[in-house]
């Protein structure tokens, strides 16, 4: 995925990439820090599959160094649940110091005051929190863990609290399914109350 302004500012390089059938500048890169997750979501297989241990965090530091040198503008951190790795804020800070825009997708259940503040201060510029219904029982059923809804909503509120310390955009991702579609009419109002900036529906 490329922003047109990025292509037009690098037209010669873009033409060479097309003519020679080689990759263009990796402007936006998504990095999965792990496949493990602390939830048991209906629509996801991460928690159902036993996988090898994740790559060491030092590898991702080197990877981000290389991406920055190649002209990358943005990285998005995901998983599994990336916040299961305690070094994630340090990686956000490393990428931010190299001039990269850093965003993150999380289920939000591991976010407390200290972690929200640390991530924002590290330079996080966008966070997507997964919330599947304005109804607690519906969300918790889909996510497979009681209490997940309350913690995820709290994460949005905490990110909003510390957003003034940085330029942070807070988005909510919602997976639409037969289990939650009838409840979604009330979701925009709830998200406005807790401080989300945007809602992304995933079919």
C-alpha atoms as a PDB file:
ATOM      1  CA  UNK A   1       0.000   0.000   0.000  1.00  0.00           C
ATOM      2  CA  UNK A   2       1.501   3.305  -1.105  1.00  0.00           C
ATOM      3  CA  UNK A   3       0.383   6.894  -0.591  1.00  0.00           C
ATOM      4  CA  UNK A   4       0.313   8.694  -3.930  1.00  0.00           C
ATOM      5  CA  UNK A   5       2.296  11.650  -2.626  1.00  0.00           C
ATOM      6  CA  UNK A   6       5.125   9.290  -1.692  1.00  0.00           C
ATOM      7  CA  UNK A   7       5.186   7.802  -5.191  1.00  0.00           C
ATOM      8  CA  UNK A   8       5.065  11.148  -6.958  1.00  0.00           C
ATOM      9  CA  UNK A   9       7.978  12.407  -4.878  1.00  0.00           C
ATOM     10  CA  UNK A  10      10.022   9.359  -5.940  1.00  0.00           C
ATOM     11  CA  UNK A  11       8.890   8.945  -9.542  1.00  0.00           C
ATOM     12  CA  UNK A  12      12.273   7.934 -10.960  1.00  0.00           C
ATOM     13  CA  UNK A  13      12.721   5.228  -8.344  1.00  0.00           C
ATOM     14  CA  UNK A  14       9.140   4.060  -8.873  1.00  0.00           C
ATOM     15  CA  UNK A  15       9.665   3.792 -12.645  1.00  0.00           C
ATOM     16  CA  UNK A  16      12.868   1.822 -12.163  1.00  0.00           C
ATOM     17  CA  UNK A  17      11.078  -0.557  -9.804  1.00  0.00           C
ATOM     18  CA  UNK A  18       8.291  -1.173 -12.340  1.00  0.00           C
ATOM     19  CA  UNK A  19      10.597  -1.545 -15.363  1.00  0.00           C
ATOM     20  CA  UNK A  20      12.993  -3.893 -13.569  1.00  0.00           C
ATOM     21  CA  UNK A  21      10.282  -5.829 -11.681  1.00  0.00           C
ATOM     22  CA  UNK A  22      11.815  -5.171  -8.297  1.00  0.00           C
ATOM     23  CA  UNK A  23      10.329  -3.874  -5.043  1.00  0.00           C
ATOM     24  CA  UNK A  24       9.711  -0.168  -4.527  1.00  0.00           C
ATOM     25  CA  UNK A  25      10.705   1.561  -1.270  1.00  0.00           C
ATOM     26  CA  UNK A  26       9.018  -0.261   1.667  1.00  0.00           C
ATOM     27  CA  UNK A  27       7.132   2.821   2.865  1.00  0.00           C
ATOM     28  CA  UNK A  28       4.770   0.943   5.190  1.00  0.00           C
ATOM     29  CA  UNK A  29       5.683  -2.325   6.894  1.00  0.00           C
ATOM     30  CA  UNK A  30       3.578  -4.487   9.198  1.00  0.00           C
ATOM     31  CA  UNK A  31       5.549  -6.480  11.774  1.00  0.00           C
ATOM     32  CA  UNK A  32       4.057  -9.362  13.760  1.00  0.00           C
ATOM     33  CA  UNK A  33       5.991  -9.451  17.019  1.00  0.00           C
ATOM     34  CA  UNK A  34       4.511 -12.820  18.005  1.00  0.00           C
ATOM     35  CA  UNK A  35       1.589 -15.143  17.361  1.00  0.00           C
ATOM     36  CA  UNK A  36       0.646 -15.752  20.998  1.00  0.00           C
ATOM     37  CA  UNK A  37      -2.471 -14.181  22.472  1.00  0.00           C
ATOM     38  CA  UNK A  38      -4.119 -13.974  25.878  1.00  0.00           C
ATOM     39  CA  UNK A  39      -7.666 -14.170  24.439  1.00  0.00           C
ATOM     40  CA  UNK A  40      -9.527 -17.013  22.728  1.00  0.00           C
ATOM     41  CA  UNK A  41     -11.407 -15.223  19.966  1.00  0.00           C
ATOM     42  CA  UNK A  42     -14.075 -17.034  17.932  1.00  0.00           C
ATOM     43  CA  UNK A  43     -12.735 -15.772  14.583  1.00  0.00           C
ATOM     44  CA  UNK A  44      -9.006 -16.196  15.229  1.00  0.00           C
ATOM     45  CA  UNK A  45      -6.714 -19.210  15.138  1.00  0.00           C
ATOM     46  CA  UNK A  46      -3.633 -17.758  16.863  1.00  0.00           C
ATOM     47  CA  UNK A  47      -4.516 -19.291  20.234  1.00  0.00           C
ATOM     48  CA  UNK A  48      -5.482 -22.622  18.666  1.00  0.00           C
ATOM     49  CA  UNK A  49      -2.080 -23.320  17.087  1.00  0.00           C
ATOM     50  CA  UNK A  50       1.176 -24.195  18.826  1.00  0.00           C
ATOM     51  CA  UNK A  51       3.992 -22.228  17.205  1.00  0.00           C
ATOM     52  CA  UNK A  52       7.711 -21.805  17.592  1.00  0.00           C
ATOM     53  CA  UNK A  53       9.039 -19.177  19.990  1.00  0.00           C
ATOM     54  CA  UNK A  54       8.953 -15.624  18.566  1.00  0.00           C
ATOM     55  CA  UNK A  55      12.027 -14.021  17.093  1.00  0.00           C
ATOM     56  CA  UNK A  56      14.258 -12.202  19.609  1.00  0.00           C
ATOM     57  CA  UNK A  57      13.550  -8.508  20.046  1.00  0.00           C
ATOM     58  CA  UNK A  58      17.110  -7.682  18.962  1.00  0.00           C
ATOM     59  CA  UNK A  59      16.182  -8.979  15.505  1.00  0.00           C
ATOM     60  CA  UNK A  60      13.351  -6.450  15.224  1.00  0.00           C
ATOM     61  CA  UNK A  61      15.654  -3.605  16.295  1.00  0.00           C
ATOM     62  CA  UNK A  62      18.030  -4.518  13.465  1.00  0.00           C
ATOM     63  CA  UNK A  63      15.142  -4.915  11.026  1.00  0.00           C
ATOM     64  CA  UNK A  64      13.818  -1.457  11.882  1.00  0.00           C
ATOM     65  CA  UNK A  65      17.297   0.031  11.459  1.00  0.00           C
ATOM     66  CA  UNK A  66      17.422  -1.467   7.956  1.00  0.00           C
ATOM     67  CA  UNK A  67      13.910  -0.291   7.078  1.00  0.00           C
ATOM     68  CA  UNK A  68      14.672   3.272   8.170  1.00  0.00           C
ATOM     69  CA  UNK A  69      17.809   3.268   6.055  1.00  0.00           C
ATOM     70  CA  UNK A  70      15.803   2.045   3.042  1.00  0.00           C
ATOM     71  CA  UNK A  71      13.346   4.956   3.335  1.00  0.00           C
ATOM     72  CA  UNK A  72      10.490   3.345   5.249  1.00  0.00           C
ATOM     73  CA  UNK A  73       8.045   5.879   6.714  1.00  0.00           C
ATOM     74  CA  UNK A  74       5.774   3.799   8.940  1.00  0.00           C
ATOM     75  CA  UNK A  75       5.700   0.497  10.807  1.00  0.00           C
ATOM     76  CA  UNK A  76       2.665  -1.207  12.305  1.00  0.00           C
ATOM     77  CA  UNK A  77       3.169  -3.637  15.190  1.00  0.00           C
ATOM     78  CA  UNK A  78       0.744  -6.513  15.650  1.00  0.00           C
ATOM     79  CA  UNK A  79       0.490 -10.164  16.642  1.00  0.00           C
ATOM     80  CA  UNK A  80      -1.127 -12.196  18.176  1.00  0.00           C
ATOM     81  CA  UNK A  81      -1.089  -9.760  21.044  1.00  0.00           C
ATOM     82  CA  UNK A  82       2.075  -7.624  20.749  1.00  0.00           C
ATOM     83  CA  UNK A  83       1.831  -6.317  24.313  1.00  0.00           C
ATOM     84  CA  UNK A  84       2.532  -9.793  25.649  1.00  0.00           C
ATOM     85  CA  UNK A  85       6.128  -8.836  24.865  1.00  0.00           C
ATOM     86  CA  UNK A  86       7.283  -6.467  27.590  1.00  0.00           C
ATOM     87  CA  UNK A  87       9.909  -4.913  25.307  1.00  0.00           C
ATOM     88  CA  UNK A  88       7.308  -3.494  22.896  1.00  0.00           C
ATOM     89  CA  UNK A  89       7.472   0.096  24.275  1.00  0.00           C
ATOM     90  CA  UNK A  90      11.257   0.024  23.875  1.00  0.00           C
ATOM     91  CA  UNK A  91      10.838  -1.037  20.235  1.00  0.00           C
ATOM     92  CA  UNK A  92       8.325   1.785  19.681  1.00  0.00           C
ATOM     93  CA  UNK A  93      10.837   4.272  21.093  1.00  0.00           C
ATOM     94  CA  UNK A  94      13.626   2.895  18.906  1.00  0.00           C
ATOM     95  CA  UNK A  95      11.578   3.218  15.720  1.00  0.00           C
ATOM     96  CA  UNK A  96      10.293   6.675  16.659  1.00  0.00           C
ATOM     97  CA  UNK A  97      13.815   7.937  17.271  1.00  0.00           C
ATOM     98  CA  UNK A  98      14.661   6.887  13.704  1.00  0.00           C
ATOM     99  CA  UNK A  99      11.859   9.076  12.394  1.00  0.00           C
ATOM    100  CA  UNK A 100       9.345   6.314  11.708  1.00  0.00           C
ATOM    101  CA  UNK A 101       5.644   6.669  12.440  1.00  0.00           C
ATOM    102  CA  UNK A 102       4.701   3.770  14.719  1.00  0.00           C
ATOM    103  CA  UNK A 103       1.219   2.287  15.125  1.00  0.00           C
ATOM    104  CA  UNK A 104      -0.036  -0.735  17.026  1.00  0.00           C
ATOM    105  CA  UNK A 105      -2.983  -3.143  17.138  1.00  0.00           C
ATOM    106  CA  UNK A 106      -3.911  -4.595  20.526  1.00  0.00           C
ATOM    107  CA  UNK A 107      -6.876  -6.186  22.255  1.00  0.00           C
ATOM    108  CA  UNK A 108      -6.214  -3.681  25.050  1.00  0.00           C
ATOM    109  CA  UNK A 109      -6.639  -6.109  27.944  1.00  0.00           C
ATOM    110  CA  UNK A 110      -3.036  -5.746  29.132  1.00  0.00           C
ATOM    111  CA  UNK A 111      -3.022  -1.934  29.099  1.00  0.00           C
ATOM    112  CA  UNK A 112      -2.785  -0.196  32.459  1.00  0.00           C
ATOM    113  CA  UNK A 113      -1.953   3.418  33.306  1.00  0.00           C
ATOM    114  CA  UNK A 114       1.796   2.867  33.275  1.00  0.00           C
ATOM    115  CA  UNK A 115       1.841   1.018  29.941  1.00  0.00           C
ATOM    116  CA  UNK A 116      -0.451   3.492  28.167  1.00  0.00           C
ATOM    117  CA  UNK A 117       1.712   6.389  29.323  1.00  0.00           C
ATOM    118  CA  UNK A 118       4.936   4.578  28.408  1.00  0.00           C
ATOM    119  CA  UNK A 119       3.747   3.775  24.880  1.00  0.00           C
ATOM    120  CA  UNK A 120       2.608   7.342  24.195  1.00  0.00           C
ATOM    121  CA  UNK A 121       5.815   8.806  25.580  1.00  0.00           C
ATOM    122  CA  UNK A 122       7.806   6.314  23.497  1.00  0.00           C
ATOM    123  CA  UNK A 123       6.317   7.900  20.382  1.00  0.00           C
ATOM    124  CA  UNK A 124       3.310   5.742  19.501  1.00  0.00           C
ATOM    125  CA  UNK A 125       1.248   7.669  16.943  1.00  0.00           C
ATOM    126  CA  UNK A 126      -1.685   5.347  16.360  1.00  0.00           C
ATOM    127  CA  UNK A 127      -3.360   2.529  18.267  1.00  0.00           C
ATOM    128  CA  UNK A 128      -6.159   0.198  17.209  1.00  0.00           C
ATOM    129  CA  UNK A 129      -8.033  -1.495  20.040  1.00  0.00           C
ATOM    130  CA  UNK A 130     -10.282  -4.469  19.294  1.00  0.00           C
ATOM    131  CA  UNK A 131     -13.846  -4.068  20.592  1.00  0.00           C
ATOM    132  CA  UNK A 132     -16.617  -6.186  19.042  1.00  0.00           C
ATOM    133  CA  UNK A 133     -19.783  -4.898  20.689  1.00  0.00           C
ATOM    134  CA  UNK A 134     -21.168  -2.207  22.988  1.00  0.00           C
ATOM    135  CA  UNK A 135     -22.658  -5.110  24.968  1.00  0.00           C
ATOM    136  CA  UNK A 136     -20.277  -6.654  27.481  1.00  0.00           C
ATOM    137  CA  UNK A 137     -21.614 -10.211  27.254  1.00  0.00           C
ATOM    138  CA  UNK A 138     -21.485 -10.210  23.449  1.00  0.00           C
ATOM    139  CA  UNK A 139     -17.902  -8.961  23.311  1.00  0.00           C
ATOM    140  CA  UNK A 140     -16.686 -11.326  26.029  1.00  0.00           C
ATOM    141  CA  UNK A 141     -18.356 -14.279  24.308  1.00  0.00           C
ATOM    142  CA  UNK A 142     -16.652 -13.456  20.997  1.00  0.00           C
ATOM    143  CA  UNK A 143     -13.272 -12.880  22.658  1.00  0.00           C
ATOM    144  CA  UNK A 144     -13.545 -15.993  24.802  1.00  0.00           C
ATOM    145  CA  UNK A 145     -12.541 -14.381  28.113  1.00  0.00           C
ATOM    146  CA  UNK A 146     -14.810 -12.874  30.757  1.00  0.00           C
ATOM    147  CA  UNK A 147     -13.843  -9.309  31.640  1.00  0.00           C
ATOM    148  CA  UNK A 148     -12.176  -8.568  28.303  1.00  0.00           C
ATOM    149  CA  UNK A 149     -14.754  -5.900  27.348  1.00  0.00           C
ATOM    150  CA  UNK A 150     -14.182  -3.837  30.471  1.00  0.00           C
ATOM    151  CA  UNK A 151     -10.395  -3.949  30.077  1.00  0.00           C
ATOM    152  CA  UNK A 152     -10.487  -3.062  26.364  1.00  0.00           C
ATOM    153  CA  UNK A 153     -12.740  -0.053  26.964  1.00  0.00           C
ATOM    154  CA  UNK A 154     -10.463   1.020  29.807  1.00  0.00           C
ATOM    155  CA  UNK A 155      -7.497   0.855  27.419  1.00  0.00           C
ATOM    156  CA  UNK A 156      -9.183   3.325  25.053  1.00  0.00           C
ATOM    157  CA  UNK A 157      -9.816   5.689  27.963  1.00  0.00           C
ATOM    158  CA  UNK A 158      -6.220   5.432  29.162  1.00  0.00           C
ATOM    159  CA  UNK A 159      -4.786   6.081  25.718  1.00  0.00           C
ATOM    160  CA  UNK A 160      -7.067   9.140  25.466  1.00  0.00           C
ATOM    161  CA  UNK A 161      -5.847  10.353  28.858  1.00  0.00           C
ATOM    162  CA  UNK A 162      -2.231  10.398  27.714  1.00  0.00           C
ATOM    163  CA  UNK A 163      -2.836  11.322  24.071  1.00  0.00           C
ATOM    164  CA  UNK A 164      -2.232  15.011  24.874  1.00  0.00           C
ATOM    165  CA  UNK A 165       1.420  14.109  25.518  1.00  0.00           C
ATOM    166  CA  UNK A 166       1.817  13.059  21.892  1.00  0.00           C
ATOM    167  CA  UNK A 167       0.007  12.958  18.580  1.00  0.00           C
ATOM    168  CA  UNK A 168      -1.928   9.738  19.100  1.00  0.00           C
ATOM    169  CA  UNK A 169      -4.892   8.564  17.011  1.00  0.00           C
ATOM    170  CA  UNK A 170      -7.133   5.992  18.711  1.00  0.00           C
ATOM    171  CA  UNK A 171      -9.106   3.649  16.473  1.00  0.00           C
ATOM    172  CA  UNK A 172     -11.381   0.744  17.362  1.00  0.00           C
ATOM    173  CA  UNK A 173     -11.418  -2.375  15.191  1.00  0.00           C
ATOM    174  CA  UNK A 174     -14.665  -4.362  15.133  1.00  0.00           C
ATOM    175  CA  UNK A 175     -15.025  -7.738  13.441  1.00  0.00           C
ATOM    176  CA  UNK A 176     -18.621  -7.974  12.206  1.00  0.00           C
ATOM    177  CA  UNK A 177     -20.205 -11.410  12.521  1.00  0.00           C
ATOM    178  CA  UNK A 178     -23.521 -13.174  13.113  1.00  0.00           C
ATOM    179  CA  UNK A 179     -22.746 -12.966  16.836  1.00  0.00           C
ATOM    180  CA  UNK A 180     -22.592  -9.175  17.112  1.00  0.00           C
ATOM    181  CA  UNK A 181     -24.146  -7.433  14.102  1.00  0.00           C
ATOM    182  CA  UNK A 182     -27.476  -6.792  15.815  1.00  0.00           C
ATOM    183  CA  UNK A 183     -25.775  -4.996  18.718  1.00  0.00           C
ATOM    184  CA  UNK A 184     -23.529  -2.675  16.740  1.00  0.00           C
ATOM    185  CA  UNK A 185     -25.983   0.222  16.420  1.00  0.00           C
ATOM    186  CA  UNK A 186     -24.966   1.391  19.892  1.00  0.00           C
ATOM    187  CA  UNK A 187     -21.224   1.113  19.348  1.00  0.00           C
ATOM    188  CA  UNK A 188     -20.462   4.585  17.891  1.00  0.00           C
ATOM    189  CA  UNK A 189     -22.012   6.382  20.867  1.00  0.00           C
ATOM    190  CA  UNK A 190     -20.081   4.243  23.338  1.00  0.00           C
ATOM    191  CA  UNK A 191     -16.785   4.793  21.543  1.00  0.00           C
ATOM    192  CA  UNK A 192     -17.377   8.528  21.469  1.00  0.00           C
ATOM    193  CA  UNK A 193     -17.890   8.476  25.232  1.00  0.00           C
ATOM    194  CA  UNK A 194     -14.609   6.668  25.930  1.00  0.00           C
ATOM    195  CA  UNK A 195     -12.569   8.837  23.551  1.00  0.00           C
ATOM    196  CA  UNK A 196     -11.989   6.862  20.368  1.00  0.00           C
ATOM    197  CA  UNK A 197     -11.271   8.829  17.181  1.00  0.00           C
ATOM    198  CA  UNK A 198     -12.464   6.298  14.617  1.00  0.00           C
ATOM    199  CA  UNK A 199     -14.243   2.984  14.092  1.00  0.00           C
ATOM    200  CA  UNK A 200     -13.072   0.387  11.576  1.00  0.00           C
ATOM    201  CA  UNK A 201     -15.555  -2.356  10.701  1.00  0.00           C
ATOM    202  CA  UNK A 202     -13.970  -5.598   9.490  1.00  0.00           C
ATOM    203  CA  UNK A 203     -16.185  -8.055   7.613  1.00  0.00           C
END
